[in-house]
Amino acid sequence: MDALIVARGLHTYYGPSHILRGIDFNVGRGETIGLMGRNGMGKSTLLKTLMGLVPPREGSVAIQGRDMTGRPPYEVAQLGIAYVPEGRGIFGNLSVVENLKMAARPGRGPRADSWTYERVLETFPRLKERLGHGGQQLSGGEQQMLTIGRALMTNPEVLILDEATEGLAPLIARDIWRICELIRASGISSVIVDKNWKHLTRITDRNVILVKGQVVFAGTSDELRAQPALLEQYLGV
C-alpha cells in the first residue's frame, strides 16, 4: 500500500491529561477510513495530532514519507492534507466566492487541478445559488458544504473530515454523504469522523474505533458490520 499518512505510537496530552495512548494509524492512497468512538475518546485529538495542531509527546507522524512530527500545520497542509474541523471554521466576513477562491491551489500527480472552482460549484449546487452571500449568512449545512468545497479547492491527497454530519438536518446530511462518495470516487483519500456508523460503513474501506485513546477495532466495513456486539459495546447502537 502506498501510505500517505503513517502514525506510530502516538501519545498526546492536554496538560496533565493523557488523551492518546500509543495509537498506530495509517492512511493509504485512495482509502476512505471511518474513525469512530463515543464522545471524548480521542478522535478529534488524533486528527489534530496528525495535522500538527497538537504535537504528540511520544510517537511519530510521517506524511508522504516525510517525518512531520511536531511540524506546524501549514507544512502538513502543504503536503496535501486538507482538514475540515468540527465547527467548520469558515470565514464569516468573506463571501462564498472568496472563501472558495482563497483556497485554490494546483494539485499534484495524476489528479492535478481536478477540483476546479467550476467543479466545486457543480458538486455543490446549493452554494452556486449563494455565491454573493457572506459565510455567516449560510445555514449550518451550507457552511459545511462550503468548508468541504474550500478543502477540495486545495486539490488534496487526503481530506480529513471531523463530524461530517453533526447537527445537520437529514436531507442535508444525505447530501454530505453523497459528496463524500464523490470525493472517494475522485481518488482522494479520506478520514471521516461521524456518529452514523451505518452511513459511514457504506463508503469506507476500513474503520478504526477508539476507546479512551486506544484502538479497540481496526478492520473492514464488512468485518465491523459482522460484529453487532462490538458495535453495541463501543458505539452504543
C-alpha atoms as a PDB file:
ATOM      1  CA  MET A   1       0.000   0.000   0.000  1.00  0.00           C
ATOM      2  CA  ASP A   2       1.176   3.486  -0.876  1.00  0.00           C
ATOM      3  CA  ALA A   3       0.911   5.121   2.564  1.00  0.00           C
ATOM      4  CA  LEU A   4       0.165   8.844   2.630  1.00  0.00           C
ATOM      5  CA  ILE A   5      -0.038   9.108   6.430  1.00  0.00           C
ATOM      6  CA  VAL A   6       1.757   6.808   8.867  1.00  0.00           C
ATOM      7  CA  ALA A   7       1.457   7.489  12.600  1.00  0.00           C
ATOM      8  CA  ARG A   8       3.224   5.275  15.114  1.00  0.00           C
ATOM      9  CA  GLY A   9       2.997   5.080  18.893  1.00  0.00           C
ATOM     10  CA  LEU A  10       1.210   8.400  19.401  1.00  0.00           C
ATOM     11  CA  HIS A  11       0.888   9.650  22.962  1.00  0.00           C
ATOM     12  CA  THR A  12      -0.794  13.054  23.095  1.00  0.00           C
ATOM     13  CA  TYR A  13      -1.607  15.094  26.179  1.00  0.00           C
ATOM     14  CA  TYR A  14      -3.636  18.176  27.023  1.00  0.00           C
ATOM     15  CA  GLY A  15      -1.708  19.435  30.017  1.00  0.00           C
ATOM     16  CA  PRO A  16      -1.636  16.540  32.501  1.00  0.00           C
ATOM     17  CA  SER A  17      -4.465  14.682  30.711  1.00  0.00           C
ATOM     18  CA  HIS A  18      -3.188  11.690  28.732  1.00  0.00           C
ATOM     19  CA  ILE A  19      -5.536  11.519  25.717  1.00  0.00           C
ATOM     20  CA  LEU A  20      -3.919   9.300  23.054  1.00  0.00           C
ATOM     21  CA  ARG A  21      -2.246   6.177  24.405  1.00  0.00           C
ATOM     22  CA  GLY A  22       0.068   4.559  21.893  1.00  0.00           C
ATOM     23  CA  ILE A  23      -2.024   4.841  18.733  1.00  0.00           C
ATOM     24  CA  ASP A  24      -0.869   3.487  15.372  1.00  0.00           C
ATOM     25  CA  PHE A  25      -2.820   4.864  12.401  1.00  0.00           C
ATOM     26  CA  ASN A  26      -2.206   4.956   8.668  1.00  0.00           C
ATOM     27  CA  VAL A  27      -3.954   6.167   5.524  1.00  0.00           C
ATOM     28  CA  GLY A  28      -3.224   4.605   2.151  1.00  0.00           C
ATOM     29  CA  ARG A  29      -3.637   6.246  -1.238  1.00  0.00           C
ATOM     30  CA  GLY A  30      -7.283   6.149  -2.329  1.00  0.00           C
ATOM     31  CA  GLU A  31      -8.530   4.787   1.005  1.00  0.00           C
ATOM     32  CA  THR A  32     -11.608   6.012   2.837  1.00  0.00           C
ATOM     33  CA  ILE A  33     -11.339   5.409   6.570  1.00  0.00           C
ATOM     34  CA  GLY A  34     -14.037   5.794   9.202  1.00  0.00           C
ATOM     35  CA  LEU A  35     -12.870   6.962  12.627  1.00  0.00           C
ATOM     36  CA  MET A  36     -15.417   6.065  15.296  1.00  0.00           C
ATOM     37  CA  GLY A  37     -15.967   6.135  19.033  1.00  0.00           C
ATOM     38  CA  ARG A  38     -18.099   7.839  21.630  1.00  0.00           C
ATOM     39  CA  ASN A  39     -17.517  11.459  22.611  1.00  0.00           C
ATOM     40  CA  GLY A  40     -14.288  12.135  24.459  1.00  0.00           C
ATOM     41  CA  MET A  41     -12.472   9.023  23.237  1.00  0.00           C
ATOM     42  CA  GLY A  42      -9.709  10.868  21.351  1.00  0.00           C
ATOM     43  CA  LYS A  43     -10.948  11.071  17.759  1.00  0.00           C
ATOM     44  CA  SER A  44     -10.534  14.833  17.315  1.00  0.00           C
ATOM     45  CA  THR A  45      -7.252  14.747  19.237  1.00  0.00           C
ATOM     46  CA  LEU A  46      -5.918  12.125  16.827  1.00  0.00           C
ATOM     47  CA  LEU A  47      -6.870  14.296  13.836  1.00  0.00           C
ATOM     48  CA  LYS A  48      -5.294  17.376  15.413  1.00  0.00           C
ATOM     49  CA  THR A  49      -2.135  15.384  16.163  1.00  0.00           C
ATOM     50  CA  LEU A  50      -1.909  14.264  12.527  1.00  0.00           C
ATOM     51  CA  MET A  51      -2.357  17.886  11.403  1.00  0.00           C
ATOM     52  CA  GLY A  52       0.292  19.247  13.760  1.00  0.00           C
ATOM     53  CA  LEU A  53      -2.227  21.289  15.759  1.00  0.00           C
ATOM     54  CA  VAL A  54      -1.386  19.303  18.905  1.00  0.00           C
ATOM     55  CA  PRO A  55       2.135  17.832  18.967  1.00  0.00           C
ATOM     56  CA  PRO A  56       2.469  14.319  20.402  1.00  0.00           C
ATOM     57  CA  ARG A  57       4.638  13.846  23.479  1.00  0.00           C
ATOM     58  CA  GLU A  58       5.741  10.477  22.094  1.00  0.00           C
ATOM     59  CA  GLY A  59       5.476   8.791  18.700  1.00  0.00           C
ATOM     60  CA  SER A  60       5.824   9.963  15.117  1.00  0.00           C
ATOM     61  CA  VAL A  61       3.766  11.221  12.184  1.00  0.00           C
ATOM     62  CA  ALA A  62       5.030  10.770   8.619  1.00  0.00           C
ATOM     63  CA  ILE A  63       3.278  12.407   5.656  1.00  0.00           C
ATOM     64  CA  GLN A  64       4.158  11.027   2.220  1.00  0.00           C
ATOM     65  CA  GLY A  65       7.317   9.508   3.680  1.00  0.00           C
ATOM     66  CA  ARG A  66       8.484  12.687   5.435  1.00  0.00           C
ATOM     67  CA  ASP A  67       8.733  12.913   9.215  1.00  0.00           C
ATOM     68  CA  MET A  68       6.360  15.723  10.157  1.00  0.00           C
ATOM     69  CA  THR A  69       6.249  15.090  13.905  1.00  0.00           C
ATOM     70  CA  GLY A  70       5.856  18.429  15.659  1.00  0.00           C
ATOM     71  CA  ARG A  71       5.900  20.400  12.407  1.00  0.00           C
ATOM     72  CA  PRO A  72       3.412  23.303  12.089  1.00  0.00           C
ATOM     73  CA  PRO A  73       0.004  22.690  10.470  1.00  0.00           C
ATOM     74  CA  TYR A  74       0.735  24.782   7.367  1.00  0.00           C
ATOM     75  CA  GLU A  75       3.620  22.462   6.470  1.00  0.00           C
ATOM     76  CA  VAL A  76       1.329  19.443   6.829  1.00  0.00           C
ATOM     77  CA  ALA A  77      -1.243  21.191   4.613  1.00  0.00           C
ATOM     78  CA  GLN A  78       1.434  21.900   2.008  1.00  0.00           C
ATOM     79  CA  LEU A  79       1.955  18.141   1.674  1.00  0.00           C
ATOM     80  CA  GLY A  80      -1.649  17.728   0.554  1.00  0.00           C
ATOM     81  CA  ILE A  81      -3.577  17.157   3.782  1.00  0.00           C
ATOM     82  CA  ALA A  82      -6.844  19.131   3.996  1.00  0.00           C
ATOM     83  CA  TYR A  83      -8.670  19.401   7.312  1.00  0.00           C
ATOM     84  CA  VAL A  84     -12.358  20.186   7.862  1.00  0.00           C
ATOM     85  CA  PRO A  85     -12.613  20.696  11.633  1.00  0.00           C
ATOM     86  CA  GLU A  86     -15.626  20.208  13.827  1.00  0.00           C
ATOM     87  CA  GLY A  87     -17.334  23.597  13.909  1.00  0.00           C
ATOM     88  CA  ARG A  88     -16.370  24.256  10.269  1.00  0.00           C
ATOM     89  CA  GLY A  89     -14.157  27.328  10.603  1.00  0.00           C
ATOM     90  CA  ILE A  90     -15.301  29.283   7.553  1.00  0.00           C
ATOM     91  CA  PHE A  91     -14.528  32.989   7.181  1.00  0.00           C
ATOM     92  CA  GLY A  92     -17.866  34.578   8.028  1.00  0.00           C
ATOM     93  CA  ASN A  93     -16.897  38.017   6.726  1.00  0.00           C
ATOM     94  CA  LEU A  94     -15.969  36.648   3.280  1.00  0.00           C
ATOM     95  CA  SER A  95     -18.425  35.691   0.541  1.00  0.00           C
ATOM     96  CA  VAL A  96     -18.860  32.135  -0.701  1.00  0.00           C
ATOM     97  CA  VAL A  97     -16.769  33.002  -3.777  1.00  0.00           C
ATOM     98  CA  GLU A  98     -13.994  34.499  -1.639  1.00  0.00           C
ATOM     99  CA  ASN A  99     -13.972  31.539   0.763  1.00  0.00           C
ATOM    100  CA  LEU A 100     -13.520  29.164  -2.164  1.00  0.00           C
ATOM    101  CA  LYS A 101     -11.063  31.093  -4.295  1.00  0.00           C
ATOM    102  CA  MET A 102      -8.715  31.998  -1.450  1.00  0.00           C
ATOM    103  CA  ALA A 103      -8.020  28.262  -1.006  1.00  0.00           C
ATOM    104  CA  ALA A 104      -7.368  27.422  -4.675  1.00  0.00           C
ATOM    105  CA  ARG A 105      -4.152  25.530  -5.189  1.00  0.00           C
ATOM    106  CA  PRO A 106      -2.982  23.277  -8.021  1.00  0.00           C
ATOM    107  CA  GLY A 107      -2.818  19.585  -7.269  1.00  0.00           C
ATOM    108  CA  ARG A 108      -0.009  17.180  -7.958  1.00  0.00           C
ATOM    109  CA  GLY A 109       0.229  13.868  -9.759  1.00  0.00           C
ATOM    110  CA  PRO A 110      -2.483  12.306 -11.912  1.00  0.00           C
ATOM    111  CA  ARG A 111      -5.293  14.352 -10.327  1.00  0.00           C
ATOM    112  CA  ALA A 112      -3.589  17.731 -10.651  1.00  0.00           C
ATOM    113  CA  ASP A 113      -6.149  20.553 -10.772  1.00  0.00           C
ATOM    114  CA  SER A 114      -9.039  18.075 -10.862  1.00  0.00           C
ATOM    115  CA  TRP A 115     -11.015  20.115  -8.291  1.00  0.00           C
ATOM    116  CA  THR A 116     -11.530  23.441 -10.018  1.00  0.00           C
ATOM    117  CA  TYR A 117     -13.836  26.250  -8.915  1.00  0.00           C
ATOM    118  CA  GLU A 118     -16.301  25.164 -11.599  1.00  0.00           C
ATOM    119  CA  ARG A 119     -16.277  21.549 -10.468  1.00  0.00           C
ATOM    120  CA  VAL A 120     -16.822  22.508  -6.830  1.00  0.00           C
ATOM    121  CA  LEU A 121     -19.887  24.584  -7.780  1.00  0.00           C
ATOM    122  CA  GLU A 122     -21.173  21.737  -9.920  1.00  0.00           C
ATOM    123  CA  THR A 123     -20.808  19.398  -6.930  1.00  0.00           C
ATOM    124  CA  PHE A 124     -22.419  21.885  -4.506  1.00  0.00           C
ATOM    125  CA  PRO A 125     -25.333  23.450  -6.451  1.00  0.00           C
ATOM    126  CA  ARG A 126     -26.663  24.958  -3.231  1.00  0.00           C
ATOM    127  CA  LEU A 127     -23.515  27.073  -2.954  1.00  0.00           C
ATOM    128  CA  LYS A 128     -23.831  28.160  -6.577  1.00  0.00           C
ATOM    129  CA  GLU A 129     -27.098  29.869  -5.636  1.00  0.00           C
ATOM    130  CA  ARG A 130     -25.408  31.782  -2.799  1.00  0.00           C
ATOM    131  CA  LEU A 131     -22.124  32.976  -4.274  1.00  0.00           C
ATOM    132  CA  GLY A 132     -22.512  36.548  -3.039  1.00  0.00           C
ATOM    133  CA  HIS A 133     -23.661  35.603   0.458  1.00  0.00           C
ATOM    134  CA  GLY A 134     -21.322  36.061   3.390  1.00  0.00           C
ATOM    135  CA  GLY A 135     -20.272  32.940   5.229  1.00  0.00           C
ATOM    136  CA  GLN A 136     -22.236  33.981   8.310  1.00  0.00           C
ATOM    137  CA  GLN A 137     -25.435  34.171   6.220  1.00  0.00           C
ATOM    138  CA  LEU A 138     -25.351  30.475   5.354  1.00  0.00           C
ATOM    139  CA  SER A 139     -27.183  27.701   7.185  1.00  0.00           C
ATOM    140  CA  GLY A 140     -25.178  25.119   9.104  1.00  0.00           C
ATOM    141  CA  GLY A 141     -25.448  22.640   6.248  1.00  0.00           C
ATOM    142  CA  GLU A 142     -24.379  25.230   3.686  1.00  0.00           C
ATOM    143  CA  GLN A 143     -21.420  26.178   5.858  1.00  0.00           C
ATOM    144  CA  GLN A 144     -20.375  22.515   5.985  1.00  0.00           C
ATOM    145  CA  MET A 145     -20.617  22.301   2.195  1.00  0.00           C
ATOM    146  CA  LEU A 146     -18.558  25.477   1.865  1.00  0.00           C
ATOM    147  CA  THR A 147     -15.863  24.135   4.184  1.00  0.00           C
ATOM    148  CA  ILE A 148     -15.638  20.858   2.269  1.00  0.00           C
ATOM    149  CA  GLY A 149     -15.647  22.738  -1.053  1.00  0.00           C
ATOM    150  CA  ARG A 150     -12.886  25.024   0.183  1.00  0.00           C
ATOM    151  CA  ALA A 151     -10.819  21.985   1.230  1.00  0.00           C
ATOM    152  CA  LEU A 152     -11.302  20.417  -2.197  1.00  0.00           C
ATOM    153  CA  MET A 153     -10.073  23.620  -3.849  1.00  0.00           C
ATOM    154  CA  THR A 154      -6.630  22.782  -2.446  1.00  0.00           C
ATOM    155  CA  ASN A 155      -6.672  19.555  -4.525  1.00  0.00           C
ATOM    156  CA  PRO A 156      -5.626  17.485  -1.507  1.00  0.00           C
ATOM    157  CA  GLU A 157      -4.201  13.984  -1.328  1.00  0.00           C
ATOM    158  CA  VAL A 158      -6.111  13.356   1.935  1.00  0.00           C
ATOM    159  CA  LEU A 159      -9.291  15.023   3.191  1.00  0.00           C
ATOM    160  CA  ILE A 160      -9.842  14.835   6.965  1.00  0.00           C
ATOM    161  CA  LEU A 161     -13.467  15.478   7.907  1.00  0.00           C
ATOM    162  CA  ASP A 162     -14.350  15.784  11.606  1.00  0.00           C
ATOM    163  CA  GLU A 163     -18.054  15.251  12.460  1.00  0.00           C
ATOM    164  CA  ALA A 164     -19.224  15.174   8.857  1.00  0.00           C
ATOM    165  CA  THR A 165     -22.965  15.484   9.526  1.00  0.00           C
ATOM    166  CA  GLU A 166     -23.131  16.596  13.176  1.00  0.00           C
ATOM    167  CA  GLY A 167     -26.253  18.674  13.833  1.00  0.00           C
ATOM    168  CA  LEU A 168     -27.405  18.706  10.213  1.00  0.00           C
ATOM    169  CA  ALA A 169     -30.962  18.077   9.014  1.00  0.00           C
ATOM    170  CA  PRO A 170     -31.434  14.611   7.455  1.00  0.00           C
ATOM    171  CA  LEU A 171     -31.780  15.957   3.893  1.00  0.00           C
ATOM    172  CA  ILE A 172     -28.581  17.984   4.216  1.00  0.00           C
ATOM    173  CA  ALA A 173     -26.779  15.061   5.851  1.00  0.00           C
ATOM    174  CA  ARG A 174     -27.767  12.878   2.894  1.00  0.00           C
ATOM    175  CA  ASP A 175     -26.217  15.462   0.570  1.00  0.00           C
ATOM    176  CA  ILE A 176     -22.980  15.426   2.590  1.00  0.00           C
ATOM    177  CA  TRP A 177     -22.811  11.616   2.292  1.00  0.00           C
ATOM    178  CA  ARG A 178     -23.345  11.920  -1.468  1.00  0.00           C
ATOM    179  CA  ILE A 179     -20.446  14.358  -1.633  1.00  0.00           C
ATOM    180  CA  CYS A 180     -18.245  12.013   0.429  1.00  0.00           C
ATOM    181  CA  GLU A 181     -18.931   9.286  -2.131  1.00  0.00           C
ATOM    182  CA  LEU A 182     -17.979  11.642  -4.975  1.00  0.00           C
ATOM    183  CA  ILE A 183     -14.740  12.513  -3.188  1.00  0.00           C
ATOM    184  CA  ARG A 184     -13.959   8.829  -2.793  1.00  0.00           C
ATOM    185  CA  ALA A 185     -14.681   8.191  -6.483  1.00  0.00           C
ATOM    186  CA  SER A 186     -12.317  11.020  -7.427  1.00  0.00           C
ATOM    187  CA  GLY A 187      -9.401   9.138  -5.834  1.00  0.00           C
ATOM    188  CA  ILE A 188      -8.844  11.390  -2.826  1.00  0.00           C
ATOM    189  CA  SER A 189      -8.140   9.544   0.432  1.00  0.00           C
ATOM    190  CA  SER A 190     -10.444  10.456   3.318  1.00  0.00           C
ATOM    191  CA  VAL A 191     -10.601  10.129   7.084  1.00  0.00           C
ATOM    192  CA  ILE A 192     -14.183  10.720   8.214  1.00  0.00           C
ATOM    193  CA  VAL A 193     -15.497  11.045  11.753  1.00  0.00           C
ATOM    194  CA  ASP A 194     -19.244  10.636  12.186  1.00  0.00           C
ATOM    195  CA  LYS A 195     -21.633   9.059  14.664  1.00  0.00           C
ATOM    196  CA  ASN A 196     -23.783   7.460  11.960  1.00  0.00           C
ATOM    197  CA  TRP A 197     -21.857   4.211  11.534  1.00  0.00           C
ATOM    198  CA  LYS A 198     -24.434   2.775   9.098  1.00  0.00           C
ATOM    199  CA  HIS A 199     -23.869   5.552   6.559  1.00  0.00           C
ATOM    200  CA  LEU A 200     -20.165   5.692   7.267  1.00  0.00           C
ATOM    201  CA  THR A 201     -19.539   1.989   6.653  1.00  0.00           C
ATOM    202  CA  ARG A 202     -21.291   2.209   3.277  1.00  0.00           C
ATOM    203  CA  ILE A 203     -18.470   4.335   1.912  1.00  0.00           C
ATOM    204  CA  THR A 204     -15.435   3.320   3.986  1.00  0.00           C
ATOM    205  CA  ASP A 205     -12.791   0.732   3.152  1.00  0.00           C
ATOM    206  CA  ARG A 206     -11.554   0.434   6.722  1.00  0.00           C
ATOM    207  CA  ASN A 207     -12.749   1.592  10.125  1.00  0.00           C
ATOM    208  CA  VAL A 208     -10.988   2.359  13.382  1.00  0.00           C
ATOM    209  CA  ILE A 209     -12.750   2.580  16.755  1.00  0.00           C
ATOM    210  CA  LEU A 210     -11.149   4.452  19.645  1.00  0.00           C
ATOM    211  CA  VAL A 211     -11.890   3.930  23.312  1.00  0.00           C
ATOM    212  CA  LYS A 212     -10.090   6.123  25.861  1.00  0.00           C
ATOM    213  CA  GLY A 213      -7.348   6.981  23.398  1.00  0.00           C
ATOM    214  CA  GLN A 214      -6.630   3.427  22.263  1.00  0.00           C
ATOM    215  CA  VAL A 215      -7.566   1.464  19.140  1.00  0.00           C
ATOM    216  CA  VAL A 216     -10.015  -1.306  20.068  1.00  0.00           C
ATOM    217  CA  PHE A 217     -11.008  -2.233  16.498  1.00  0.00           C
ATOM    218  CA  ALA A 218      -9.398  -1.830  13.097  1.00  0.00           C
ATOM    219  CA  GLY A 219     -10.847  -3.625  10.101  1.00  0.00           C
ATOM    220  CA  THR A 220     -13.040  -3.514   7.018  1.00  0.00           C
ATOM    221  CA  SER A 221     -16.637  -2.336   6.936  1.00  0.00           C
ATOM    222  CA  ASP A 222     -17.835  -5.919   6.391  1.00  0.00           C
ATOM    223  CA  GLU A 223     -15.847  -7.099   9.410  1.00  0.00           C
ATOM    224  CA  LEU A 224     -17.337  -4.351  11.565  1.00  0.00           C
ATOM    225  CA  ARG A 225     -20.927  -4.939  10.486  1.00  0.00           C
ATOM    226  CA  ALA A 226     -20.476  -8.653  11.229  1.00  0.00           C
ATOM    227  CA  GLN A 227     -19.862  -7.850  14.919  1.00  0.00           C
ATOM    228  CA  PRO A 228     -23.076  -6.334  16.329  1.00  0.00           C
ATOM    229  CA  ALA A 229     -21.932  -6.999  19.913  1.00  0.00           C
ATOM    230  CA  LEU A 230     -18.822  -4.904  19.305  1.00  0.00           C
ATOM    231  CA  LEU A 231     -20.893  -2.090  17.779  1.00  0.00           C
ATOM    232  CA  GLU A 232     -23.176  -2.145  20.808  1.00  0.00           C
ATOM    233  CA  GLN A 233     -20.277  -2.186  23.246  1.00  0.00           C
ATOM    234  CA  TYR A 234     -18.213   0.612  21.743  1.00  0.00           C
ATOM    235  CA  LEU A 235     -20.687   2.761  19.810  1.00  0.00           C
ATOM    236  CA  GLY A 236     -23.873   2.133  21.770  1.00  0.00           C
ATOM    237  CA  VAL A 237     -26.090   1.491  18.758  1.00  0.00           C
END
